Protein backbone atom coordinates (compact mmCIF):
# COMPACT_ATOMS: atom_id res chain seq x y z
CA MET A 1 -1.13 -38.24 68.35
CA THR A 2 -1.56 -35.37 65.26
CA PRO A 3 -0.62 -32.20 67.12
CA THR A 4 -2.77 -29.66 66.89
CA HIS A 5 -2.15 -25.95 66.19
CA THR A 6 -4.02 -22.77 67.48
CA ARG A 7 -5.06 -19.75 65.62
CA SER A 8 -6.47 -16.58 66.82
CA ARG A 9 -8.46 -14.59 64.65
CA GLY A 10 -6.87 -11.43 65.81
CA ALA A 11 -3.54 -12.25 65.05
CA ASN A 12 -1.36 -10.08 63.21
CA PRO A 13 -0.02 -12.36 60.19
CA LEU A 14 2.82 -10.67 59.64
CA SER A 15 3.86 -10.12 63.68
CA GLY A 16 7.14 -11.97 65.09
CA GLU A 17 5.27 -15.13 64.92
CA ARG A 18 4.89 -15.25 61.07
CA PRO A 19 8.67 -14.68 60.09
CA THR A 20 7.60 -16.28 56.43
CA ALA A 21 5.37 -12.96 55.59
CA VAL A 22 8.40 -10.88 56.90
CA ALA A 23 10.98 -12.29 54.76
CA ILE A 24 8.91 -12.43 51.70
CA SER A 25 8.01 -8.66 52.14
CA SER A 26 11.80 -8.04 53.17
CA LEU A 27 12.87 -9.63 49.97
CA ALA A 28 10.36 -7.62 47.73
CA LEU A 29 11.38 -4.34 49.40
CA ALA A 30 15.18 -5.47 48.97
CA LEU A 31 14.46 -5.94 45.19
CA ALA A 32 12.68 -2.58 45.03
CA THR A 33 15.20 -0.20 46.86
CA ARG A 34 18.78 -2.02 45.64
CA MET A 35 19.59 -1.93 49.35
CA ASP A 36 21.38 1.30 49.11
CA ARG A 37 22.57 2.69 52.36
CA THR A 38 21.35 5.80 51.40
CA PHE A 39 17.53 4.48 51.38
CA LEU A 40 18.18 2.69 54.39
CA TYR A 41 19.44 6.10 56.33
CA ARG A 42 16.39 8.17 54.99
CA HIS A 43 13.53 5.62 56.20
CA ARG A 44 15.09 4.71 59.37
CA ASP A 45 12.12 6.20 61.41
CA LEU A 46 9.92 3.65 59.78
CA ASN A 47 11.13 1.41 62.50
CA PRO A 48 9.44 2.35 65.65
CA GLY A 49 12.39 1.67 67.95
CA SER A 50 14.93 3.34 66.16
CA ALA A 51 16.25 7.07 67.51
CA PRO A 52 15.19 9.99 65.53
CA PRO A 53 17.05 10.47 62.55
CA SER A 54 19.65 13.18 62.34
CA THR A 55 21.65 15.34 60.22
CA SER A 56 24.82 13.67 60.56
CA PRO A 57 26.12 11.22 57.83
CA PRO A 58 25.05 7.65 58.16
CA GLY A 59 27.13 5.47 59.97
CA PRO A 60 27.67 1.78 60.04
CA LEU A 61 24.12 -0.06 59.80
CA ASP A 62 23.01 -3.44 60.58
CA PRO A 63 21.46 -3.70 56.98
CA TRP A 64 19.49 -7.15 57.71
CA GLY A 65 17.92 -6.10 60.92
CA HIS A 66 17.22 -2.88 59.59
CA LEU A 67 15.60 -4.37 56.49
CA VAL A 68 13.19 -6.76 58.81
CA SER A 69 11.84 -3.60 60.68
CA VAL A 70 11.47 -1.62 57.70
CA SER A 71 9.65 -4.77 56.11
CA ARG A 72 7.41 -4.69 59.74
CA ALA A 73 6.61 -0.85 58.85
CA VAL A 74 5.69 -1.82 55.29
CA ALA A 75 3.52 -4.87 56.12
CA GLU A 76 1.87 -2.88 58.79
CA ARG A 77 1.44 0.30 57.24
CA PRO A 78 2.10 -0.09 53.28
CA CYS A 79 0.10 2.90 52.03
CA ASP A 80 1.73 5.18 54.58
CA VAL A 81 5.18 4.10 53.59
CA LEU A 82 4.60 4.89 50.04
CA PHE A 83 3.08 8.55 50.82
CA ARG A 84 6.11 9.08 52.97
CA MET A 85 8.51 7.74 49.88
CA ASN A 86 6.77 10.45 47.88
CA ALA A 87 7.02 13.03 49.91
CA ASN A 88 11.02 12.53 50.64
CA ARG A 89 11.44 12.45 46.78
CA SER A 90 12.97 9.15 47.18
CA ARG A 91 14.68 7.48 44.23
CA LEU A 92 11.85 4.58 44.28
CA PRO A 93 9.55 4.95 41.18
CA VAL A 94 5.81 5.56 42.10
CA ALA A 95 5.09 2.20 39.91
CA VAL A 96 7.74 0.27 41.59
CA ALA A 97 5.88 1.39 45.11
CA VAL A 98 2.42 0.72 44.02
CA VAL A 99 3.99 -3.07 43.01
CA LEU A 100 5.37 -3.38 46.48
CA CYS A 101 2.12 -2.33 48.27
CA LEU A 102 0.34 -4.75 46.17
CA LEU A 103 2.61 -7.43 46.68
CA THR A 104 2.25 -6.82 50.84
CA LEU A 105 -1.38 -6.93 50.30
CA PHE A 106 -1.18 -10.31 48.56
CA VAL A 107 0.65 -11.84 51.32
CA ILE A 108 -1.69 -10.86 53.70
CA VAL A 109 -4.51 -12.07 51.64
CA LEU A 110 -2.52 -15.32 51.19
CA TRP A 111 -2.04 -15.69 54.76
CA GLN A 112 -5.28 -14.74 56.27
CA LEU A 113 -7.93 -15.52 53.78
CA PRO A 114 -8.55 -19.45 55.09
CA TRP A 115 -9.38 -17.56 58.39
CA TRP A 116 -11.53 -14.82 56.64
CA LEU A 117 -13.83 -17.31 55.30
CA ASP A 118 -13.78 -20.39 57.56
CA ALA A 119 -12.61 -18.96 60.98
CA HIS A 120 -15.49 -20.65 62.78
CA TYR A 121 -13.94 -23.87 61.34
CA LEU A 122 -10.48 -23.02 62.08
CA THR A 123 -10.18 -22.85 65.86
CA GLY A 124 -8.28 -26.27 66.32
CA LEU A 125 -6.41 -27.16 63.03
CA THR A 126 -6.59 -30.59 62.52
CA SER A 127 -4.44 -32.36 60.04
CA ALA A 128 -7.37 -32.35 57.13
CA GLN A 129 -7.81 -28.67 57.99
CA ALA A 130 -4.53 -27.91 57.41
CA THR A 131 -4.11 -29.40 54.33
CA ALA A 132 -7.05 -27.47 52.75
CA VAL A 133 -5.52 -24.52 54.12
CA SER A 134 -2.15 -24.91 52.42
CA GLY A 135 -4.21 -25.88 49.26
CA MET A 136 -6.04 -22.95 49.35
CA ARG A 137 -2.91 -21.03 49.65
CA THR A 138 -1.08 -22.81 47.15
CA ALA A 139 -3.99 -21.86 44.59
CA LEU A 140 -3.52 -18.36 45.47
CA VAL A 141 0.10 -18.53 44.60
CA ALA A 142 -0.83 -20.22 41.49
CA LEU A 143 -3.38 -17.50 40.87
CA GLY A 144 -0.81 -14.75 41.62
CA ALA A 145 1.98 -16.49 39.12
CA GLY A 146 -0.50 -16.71 36.72
CA LEU A 147 -1.12 -12.81 36.94
CA LEU A 148 2.37 -12.22 37.14
CA VAL A 149 2.94 -14.56 33.74
CA ALA A 150 -0.01 -12.56 32.22
CA ALA A 151 1.50 -9.13 33.19
CA GLY A 152 4.66 -10.08 31.62
CA ILE A 153 3.49 -11.14 28.16
CA PHE A 154 1.67 -8.02 28.11
CA TYR A 155 4.50 -5.93 28.85
CA THR A 156 6.70 -7.90 26.54
CA HIS A 157 4.18 -7.46 23.81
CA ARG A 158 3.90 -3.72 24.54
CA THR A 159 7.78 -3.53 24.49
CA LEU A 160 8.05 -5.35 21.11
CA GLU A 161 5.46 -3.26 19.58
CA LEU A 162 7.23 -0.02 21.05
CA THR A 163 10.38 -1.01 19.75
CA ARG A 164 8.60 -1.76 16.13
CA GLU A 165 7.31 1.35 16.01
CA GLY A 166 10.19 3.27 16.78
CA HIS A 167 12.34 1.16 14.12
CA VAL A 168 9.68 2.11 11.49
CA THR A 169 10.01 5.60 12.46
CA ASP A 170 13.55 5.54 12.14
CA ARG A 171 12.98 3.99 8.60
CA PHE A 172 10.35 6.47 7.55
CA THR A 173 12.53 9.10 8.63
CA ARG A 174 15.58 7.96 6.52
CA ALA A 175 13.53 7.53 3.34
CA VAL A 176 12.07 10.87 3.51
CA GLU A 177 15.86 12.17 3.87
CA GLN A 178 16.93 10.22 0.76
CA LEU A 179 14.09 11.92 -1.25
CA GLY A 180 15.74 14.97 -1.01
CA ALA A 181 19.33 13.79 -1.91
CA GLY A 182 20.94 15.17 -4.84
CA VAL A 183 21.88 11.67 -6.27
CA LEU A 184 19.09 9.59 -8.44
CA GLU A 185 20.14 6.26 -7.05
CA VAL A 186 19.43 7.60 -3.48
CA ARG A 187 16.30 8.95 -4.11
CA LEU A 188 14.99 5.71 -5.82
CA GLY A 189 16.03 3.87 -2.75
CA GLY A 190 14.18 6.17 -0.51
CA ILE A 191 11.04 5.68 -2.54
CA TYR A 192 11.07 1.72 -2.97
CA SER A 193 12.09 2.28 1.26
CA LEU A 194 8.65 3.94 1.65
CA GLU A 195 7.22 1.16 -0.39
CA ARG A 196 8.27 -1.36 1.82
CA ILE A 197 7.26 0.72 4.93
CA MET A 198 3.53 0.72 3.33
CA HIS A 199 3.10 -2.69 3.56
CA ASP A 200 5.23 -3.24 6.90
CA SER A 201 3.35 -0.81 8.63
CA PRO A 202 -0.52 -0.54 7.88
CA LYS A 203 -0.86 2.43 10.23
CA ASP A 204 1.54 4.45 8.11
CA TYR A 205 0.18 3.32 4.79
CA GLN A 206 -1.80 6.72 4.25
CA THR A 207 1.35 8.98 5.51
CA VAL A 208 3.86 7.38 2.78
CA LEU A 209 0.84 7.90 0.13
CA GLU A 210 0.70 11.64 0.89
CA VAL A 211 4.34 11.98 1.03
CA LEU A 212 5.32 10.41 -2.54
CA ALA A 213 2.00 12.17 -3.73
CA ALA A 214 3.84 15.46 -2.59
CA PHE A 215 6.94 14.25 -4.13
CA VAL A 216 5.31 13.76 -7.70
CA ARG A 217 3.45 17.22 -7.64
CA GLU A 218 6.65 19.14 -6.33
CA ARG A 219 9.04 17.46 -9.08
CA GLY A 220 6.92 17.13 -11.95
CA ALA A 221 7.80 16.22 -15.24
CA VAL A 222 10.86 17.20 -17.39
CA ARG A 223 11.54 17.60 -21.14
CA SER A 224 13.02 14.60 -22.50
CA PRO A 225 16.05 15.03 -24.90
CA SER A 226 15.50 15.18 -28.66
CA ARG A 227 15.69 12.06 -30.67
CA SER A 228 15.31 13.22 -33.89
CA GLY A 229 18.76 15.07 -34.32
CA GLY A 230 17.08 17.99 -35.92
CA ASP A 231 15.89 16.32 -38.85
CA PRO A 232 12.41 17.45 -39.91
CA ARG A 233 11.81 14.41 -41.23
CA VAL A 234 11.97 12.36 -38.41
CA ALA A 235 9.96 14.77 -36.52
CA ARG A 236 7.06 14.55 -39.10
CA ALA A 237 7.14 11.03 -39.09
CA ARG A 238 6.87 10.71 -35.11
CA ARG A 239 4.01 13.23 -35.69
CA ARG A 240 2.19 10.65 -37.79
CA ILE A 241 2.60 7.94 -35.60
CA SER A 242 2.02 9.75 -32.40
CA PHE A 243 0.48 6.69 -30.92
CA PHE A 244 3.67 5.25 -30.30
CA ALA A 245 6.12 8.27 -30.37
CA LEU A 246 7.60 8.97 -27.16
CA PRO A 247 6.16 12.22 -25.83
CA SER A 248 8.61 15.08 -25.50
CA THR A 249 8.04 15.80 -21.84
CA GLN A 250 8.33 12.55 -19.74
CA PRO A 251 8.46 12.53 -15.78
CA SER A 252 11.93 11.81 -14.51
CA THR A 253 13.20 8.50 -13.67
CA ASP A 254 12.46 8.98 -9.70
CA VAL A 255 9.02 10.68 -10.42
CA GLN A 256 7.99 7.62 -12.60
CA ALA A 257 9.26 5.33 -9.52
CA ALA A 258 6.75 6.84 -7.19
CA LEU A 259 4.05 7.13 -9.64
CA THR A 260 4.71 3.32 -10.30
CA VAL A 261 4.51 2.93 -6.33
CA LEU A 262 1.59 4.90 -6.38
CA GLY A 263 -0.29 2.93 -8.57
CA ARG A 264 0.53 -0.38 -6.92
CA ARG A 265 -1.59 1.10 -3.80
CA SER A 266 -3.98 -1.71 -2.25
CA ALA A 267 -7.68 -1.61 -2.65
CA ALA A 268 -8.06 -0.71 1.34
CA SER A 269 -6.27 2.98 0.92
CA GLN A 270 -8.98 3.94 -1.67
CA ARG A 271 -10.69 5.51 1.34
CA HIS A 272 -8.64 8.07 1.35
CA PRO A 273 -8.31 10.37 -1.89
CA LEU A 274 -4.79 10.40 -3.39
CA ASP A 275 -3.99 14.53 -4.27
CA LEU A 276 -2.28 14.80 -7.40
CA SER A 277 -3.79 17.95 -8.24
CA PHE A 278 -2.46 20.13 -10.93
CA ALA A 279 0.75 17.71 -11.07
CA PRO A 280 2.73 17.88 -14.09
CA LEU A 281 2.61 14.25 -15.37
CA GLU A 282 2.95 15.01 -19.14
CA GLY A 283 4.06 11.38 -20.88
CA ALA A 284 3.67 9.74 -17.62
CA SER A 285 3.45 5.47 -17.96
CA LEU A 286 0.53 4.68 -15.80
CA ASN A 287 -0.81 1.65 -17.55
CA ASN A 288 -2.85 -0.82 -15.26
CA ALA A 289 -2.40 1.53 -12.23
CA ASP A 290 -5.04 1.90 -9.33
CA LEU A 291 -5.95 5.30 -9.29
CA SER A 292 -9.47 5.00 -8.33
CA SER A 293 -10.83 7.80 -5.67
CA THR A 294 -7.98 9.93 -7.01
CA VAL A 295 -7.96 13.93 -7.20
CA LEU A 296 -6.31 15.05 -10.47
CA VAL A 297 -7.89 18.43 -10.85
CA GLY A 298 -5.99 20.59 -13.56
CA ALA A 299 -3.48 17.86 -13.66
CA HIS A 300 -1.41 17.83 -17.00
CA LEU A 301 -1.77 14.34 -18.58
CA GLU A 302 -0.81 15.11 -21.88
CA LYS A 303 0.59 12.21 -23.95
CA ALA A 304 0.42 10.20 -20.64
CA ASN A 305 -0.23 6.36 -20.94
CA LEU A 306 -3.14 5.67 -19.23
CA PHE A 307 -4.03 2.11 -20.68
CA ASN A 308 -6.23 0.09 -18.63
CA VAL A 309 -6.18 2.54 -15.56
CA ASP A 310 -8.69 2.16 -12.82
CA LEU A 311 -9.72 6.15 -12.38
CA LYS A 312 -13.22 5.00 -10.92
CA HIS A 313 -14.53 7.80 -8.80
CA SER A 314 -11.48 10.05 -9.60
CA LEU A 315 -11.84 14.02 -9.84
CA LEU A 316 -10.59 15.10 -13.07
CA VAL A 317 -12.04 18.55 -13.48
CA GLY A 318 -10.22 20.50 -15.82
CA ALA A 319 -7.72 17.85 -16.42
CA HIS A 320 -5.48 18.25 -19.68
CA LEU A 321 -5.36 14.59 -21.37
CA ASP A 322 -4.64 15.87 -24.81
CA GLY A 323 -3.15 12.99 -26.64
CA ALA A 324 -3.43 10.37 -23.51
CA VAL A 325 -3.83 6.64 -24.33
CA MET A 326 -7.12 5.86 -22.61
CA ALA A 327 -7.88 2.71 -24.30
CA SER A 328 -9.90 0.32 -21.75
CA THR A 329 -9.57 2.59 -19.09
CA GLN A 330 -12.34 2.55 -16.19
CA LEU A 331 -13.92 5.93 -15.63
CA GLN A 332 -17.02 5.08 -13.94
CA HIS A 333 -18.54 7.60 -11.53
CA ALA A 334 -15.66 10.02 -12.30
CA VAL A 335 -15.97 13.73 -13.04
CA LEU A 336 -14.42 15.05 -16.13
CA ALA A 337 -16.22 18.16 -16.55
CA GLY A 338 -14.10 20.66 -18.36
CA ALA A 339 -11.31 18.24 -19.20
CA THR A 340 -9.72 18.54 -22.53
CA LEU A 341 -9.14 15.25 -24.23
CA ASN A 342 -8.09 16.49 -27.62
CA GLY A 343 -6.93 13.57 -29.76
CA ALA A 344 -7.37 11.45 -26.89
CA VAL A 345 -7.51 7.58 -27.70
CA MET A 346 -10.49 6.24 -25.80
CA ALA A 347 -10.95 3.24 -27.65
CA GLY A 348 -13.18 0.62 -25.04
CA ALA A 349 -12.91 3.03 -22.12
CA ILE A 350 -15.80 3.05 -20.08
CA LEU A 351 -17.96 5.98 -18.83
CA ASP A 352 -20.65 5.01 -16.99
CA ASP A 353 -22.02 7.72 -14.65
CA THR A 354 -19.15 9.60 -15.71
CA GLU A 355 -19.74 13.73 -15.46
CA LEU A 356 -18.92 14.79 -19.06
CA ALA A 357 -20.06 18.37 -18.96
CA GLY A 358 -18.03 20.90 -20.77
CA ALA A 359 -15.47 18.08 -21.90
CA ASN A 360 -13.81 18.76 -24.96
CA LEU A 361 -13.52 15.53 -27.41
CA THR A 362 -12.11 17.06 -30.52
CA LYS A 363 -10.63 14.56 -32.45
CA ALA A 364 -10.91 11.87 -29.66
CA GLU A 365 -10.73 7.94 -30.77
CA LEU A 366 -14.24 6.56 -29.61
CA SER A 367 -14.09 3.18 -31.18
CA SER A 368 -15.80 0.74 -28.74
CA THR A 369 -16.30 3.45 -26.27
CA ASP A 370 -19.18 3.02 -23.86
CA PHE A 371 -20.94 6.36 -23.38
CA ARG A 372 -24.47 4.90 -22.52
CA GLY A 373 -24.52 5.98 -18.69
CA ALA A 374 -22.63 9.27 -19.21
CA LYS A 375 -24.27 12.29 -17.82
CA ASN A 376 -24.22 15.74 -19.76
CA LEU A 377 -23.03 14.22 -22.81
CA THR A 378 -24.27 16.14 -25.82
CA ALA A 379 -24.36 15.73 -29.63
CA GLU A 380 -22.21 18.51 -30.64
CA GLN A 381 -19.36 16.95 -28.26
CA ILE A 382 -19.89 14.03 -30.40
CA LEU A 383 -19.40 15.82 -33.65
CA LEU A 384 -16.07 16.98 -32.60
CA ALA A 385 -14.72 13.27 -31.90
CA GLU A 386 -14.19 10.50 -34.11
CA PRO A 387 -16.91 7.79 -33.35
CA ASP A 388 -17.79 4.82 -35.46
CA SER A 389 -20.36 2.37 -35.45
CA THR A 390 -18.89 0.39 -32.40
CA THR A 391 -19.39 3.61 -30.01
CA LEU A 392 -21.86 3.30 -27.50
CA LEU A 393 -23.91 6.52 -27.19
CA PRO A 394 -26.72 7.13 -24.86
CA ALA A 395 -30.29 6.92 -26.74
CA HIS A 396 -30.91 10.68 -27.36
CA VAL A 397 -27.31 11.49 -28.59
CA ALA A 398 -27.60 8.19 -31.14
CA ALA A 399 -30.48 9.14 -32.51
CA ASP A 400 -29.32 12.75 -33.65
CA GLU A 401 -28.89 12.41 -37.36
CA ARG A 402 -25.77 14.60 -37.40
CA VAL A 403 -24.36 12.21 -35.18
CA GLN A 404 -25.12 9.62 -37.57
CA GLU A 405 -23.45 11.44 -40.39
CA ARG A 406 -20.53 11.85 -38.24
CA ILE A 407 -20.34 8.48 -37.97
CA ARG A 408 -20.55 7.49 -41.37
CA GLN A 409 -17.92 10.08 -42.51
CA VAL A 410 -15.43 8.89 -39.83
CA GLU A 411 -16.02 5.21 -41.27
CA ALA A 412 -15.50 6.17 -44.76
CA SER A 413 -12.15 8.17 -44.10
CA ARG A 414 -10.73 5.19 -42.41
CA ARG A 415 -11.80 2.53 -45.23
CA PRO A 416 -8.49 3.78 -47.57
CA GLN A 417 -6.15 3.56 -44.65
CA ALA A 418 -7.35 0.00 -43.96
CA ALA A 419 -6.74 -0.85 -47.87
CA GLN A 420 -3.52 0.83 -47.72
CA GLY A 421 -2.57 -1.18 -44.86
CA GLN A 422 -3.51 -4.79 -46.60
CA PRO A 423 -0.80 -6.60 -47.68
CA ALA A 424 -0.78 -7.07 -51.80
C-alpha cells in the first residue's frame, strides 16, 4: 500500500518540520558571513529564544545551533535581517545580503509553488502527485541553476572587459610617457605602441590620433644638416633639380614616424577631423597617406612630398605649399582659399569642388591637373602658373585668350628642354 502524505496549506515550509529548507538557508548564510564569531555575537538577538545581548565579550558559543536559529530568523524575516545588518554596520556587503535574501525567497518558492498553484489537488499526496511535485521542483532548480550560470557568464565577461580596459589604460599611459623621453628610440617605441593601441582598442582610436597630432604640432620640423659642404656649385645643382633634392628643413625622425602613423588611419576615423593647424611640416614625406578631413589651416608644408595623398574635405586655408610635390593628390571638396602653392608640382591632381579663392599658383606645374569643378578659379591665377594643353580648366577660364596664349608659351619653353633630353 502506497503511503500518503498530508500537507496543510498554512504550514510554514521553513519551520521545524522542513529541515531541508533550513539547512539550505543556513549554508547560504554561512558562506556569506564566513562564520566568524563576531557576526554570531552581534546577531544573537535574531534568535527569539536567546538572551538579550550584553556588552561583555562573547563567550563560547554553539556555532551550529546558533546558525540554525539565525537561519530560521532569516527565513521568516529576510528583509528584517538585511536592515538590521545595515543598521549595525555589519561587514556583510549589501550585495551579498541581497543575494542571501533572494536565495531565501527562492527556497520558499521552490518549496511552496506546487501548493500555490494546485493546492486543492494536493490535500492527500499520491505517488503520482508526489512525482509531479518533485518534477516541478526539479524544473525550478534547473531554472535557478541556469540563471546562476548566466549571471556567472555575465560577471566573467564584465570582469574580463574591465581587466582589458585597465591593461589598455596602463599601456596608453606608458606610451604617452615614452613620447616625452629624451632618447629617440624610446619616443619611437611610444609612437608605435600608440598605433598598436589604436587597433586593439577602437574606443581609444580618436584619443590616440589627437595625442599624435599634438605631438606633431609641438615637435615640428628641424633644419637638416647641409649636404653640399659649402660648395656653391652643389647648391646650384640642387636648386636646378629641386624636384628630387632633399629639402633643407625636414621633420625629425620621431615626428616623421608619427606622421606616417597618422597617414595610416582607417576610414572610420574620418568622422573626426585631424587637427594639424599651423604644424611645421616642411619637407615631410606623406606620400599615399590618408589625410582626408584634416585641418591644415596655416600649416607649413613647403617642399613636402604629398604624392597621391588623400586630402578630400580637408581645410587648407592659408596653408604654405610652396614647392610641394602634389602629383595625383586628391583635393576634392577641399578648401585652399588663401593658400600659397608657388612652384608646387600639381601634375594629375584632382580639384573637383575645391575652393581656390585667393590661392597663389605662381609657377605651379599644372600638367594634367583637373580644375573643371574648382570653385572661384580665375584666369589671373592660371596666368601666373604653368598650364599646358593637358590641363583641364573650367569653360570660362579655358575660353580666355590670355590663358590660351599662356599655354602656348609654356609648351614652347618646354620644347628645347625636351630636345636636350633626347639621346643623340
